[in-house]
């Protein structure tokens, strides 16, 4: 996004500054997500390698649930997440 493009739309300098700040925030947020992606891919590759051993499947699923809970705490306001119950726990550990 360029200031000249916004000026051509008739925005005032103050409006342009606000738009640029909002756009910068969006860009920085997406950059952070992109940095996390390779780490997630490496983790998934490692976990898939473990699936060759049928006995390790439960351990892998528990690890994934833990990762999902950590991510939910980051995303959910207040860091809350739904506690596992037999109805919402795909691992079946809490049934």
Protein backbone atom coordinates (compact mmCIF):
# COMPACT_ATOMS: atom_id res chain seq x y z
CA UNK A 1 0.00 0.00 0.00
CA UNK A 2 1.38 3.38 -0.98
CA UNK A 3 0.55 6.82 0.35
CA UNK A 4 0.16 8.17 -3.20
CA UNK A 5 -2.62 5.65 -3.87
CA UNK A 6 -4.46 6.76 -0.75
CA UNK A 7 -3.96 10.43 -1.58
CA UNK A 8 -5.46 9.73 -5.03
CA UNK A 9 -8.56 8.39 -3.26
CA UNK A 10 -8.98 11.77 -1.57
CA UNK A 11 -7.86 10.79 1.95
CA UNK A 12 -6.43 13.48 4.21
CA UNK A 13 -2.87 13.15 5.57
CA UNK A 14 -4.31 12.18 8.99
CA UNK A 15 -6.49 9.49 7.43
CA UNK A 16 -3.54 8.20 5.41
CA UNK A 17 -1.43 7.93 8.58
CA UNK A 18 -4.16 5.94 10.35
CA UNK A 19 -4.59 3.60 7.38
CA UNK A 20 -0.82 3.06 7.17
CA UNK A 21 -0.66 2.21 10.88
CA UNK A 22 -3.52 -0.29 10.55
CA UNK A 23 -1.91 -1.83 7.49
CA UNK A 24 1.46 -2.05 9.25
CA UNK A 25 -0.15 -3.85 12.18
CA UNK A 26 -1.76 -6.36 9.79
CA UNK A 27 1.51 -6.94 7.95
CA UNK A 28 3.45 -7.50 11.18
CA UNK A 29 0.83 -9.93 12.50
CA UNK A 30 1.01 -11.98 9.29
CA UNK A 31 4.82 -11.96 9.39
CA UNK A 32 4.66 -13.44 12.90
CA UNK A 33 2.30 -16.16 11.71
CA UNK A 34 4.58 -16.94 8.76
CA UNK A 35 7.57 -17.37 11.09
CA UNK A 36 5.63 -19.92 13.16
CA UNK A 37 4.64 -21.96 10.10
CA UNK A 38 8.03 -23.65 9.40
CA UNK A 39 8.27 -24.70 13.06
CA UNK A 40 4.80 -26.23 12.83
CA UNK A 41 5.77 -28.07 9.63
CA UNK A 42 8.89 -29.49 11.31
CA UNK A 43 6.83 -30.61 14.30
CA UNK A 44 4.26 -32.28 12.06
CA UNK A 45 6.97 -34.11 10.12
CA UNK A 46 8.46 -35.40 13.37
CA UNK A 47 5.06 -36.51 14.64
CA UNK A 48 4.24 -38.26 11.37
CA UNK A 49 7.51 -40.15 11.66
CA UNK A 50 6.41 -41.41 15.06
CA UNK A 51 3.20 -42.82 13.62
CA UNK A 52 5.11 -45.75 12.13
CA UNK A 53 4.96 -47.26 15.62
CA UNK A 54 1.30 -48.02 16.43
CA UNK A 55 2.03 -47.96 20.17
CA UNK A 56 3.15 -44.34 20.00
CA UNK A 57 -0.12 -43.07 18.45
CA UNK A 58 -1.68 -42.19 21.83
CA UNK A 59 1.44 -40.27 22.89
CA UNK A 60 1.38 -38.32 19.63
CA UNK A 61 -2.30 -37.47 20.07
CA UNK A 62 -1.73 -36.29 23.63
CA UNK A 63 1.11 -34.07 22.43
CA UNK A 64 -1.12 -32.60 19.72
CA UNK A 65 -3.88 -31.91 22.23
CA UNK A 66 -1.38 -30.11 24.44
CA UNK A 67 -0.23 -27.97 21.50
CA UNK A 68 -3.83 -27.17 20.58
CA UNK A 69 -4.57 -26.11 24.16
CA UNK A 70 -1.53 -23.82 24.16
CA UNK A 71 -2.67 -22.24 20.90
CA UNK A 72 -6.22 -21.83 22.25
CA UNK A 73 -4.84 -19.99 25.27
CA UNK A 74 -3.04 -17.56 22.94
CA UNK A 75 -6.13 -16.98 20.79
CA UNK A 76 -8.96 -17.01 23.31
CA UNK A 77 -9.46 -13.80 25.31
CA UNK A 78 -8.42 -14.44 28.89
CA UNK A 79 -6.44 -17.51 27.85
CA UNK A 80 -9.35 -19.81 28.55
CA UNK A 81 -10.18 -22.98 26.75
CA UNK A 82 -12.81 -25.62 26.99
CA UNK A 83 -11.74 -28.30 29.45
CA UNK A 84 -11.66 -31.83 28.02
CA UNK A 85 -14.79 -33.86 28.57
CA UNK A 86 -15.76 -37.20 27.05
CA UNK A 87 -17.82 -35.25 24.48
CA UNK A 88 -15.07 -32.90 23.26
CA UNK A 89 -11.91 -34.97 23.87
CA UNK A 90 -10.99 -36.76 20.61
CA UNK A 91 -8.21 -38.71 22.36
CA UNK A 92 -10.70 -40.49 24.57
CA UNK A 93 -8.36 -40.04 27.53
CA UNK A 94 -11.01 -38.28 29.60
CA UNK A 95 -13.83 -40.71 28.89
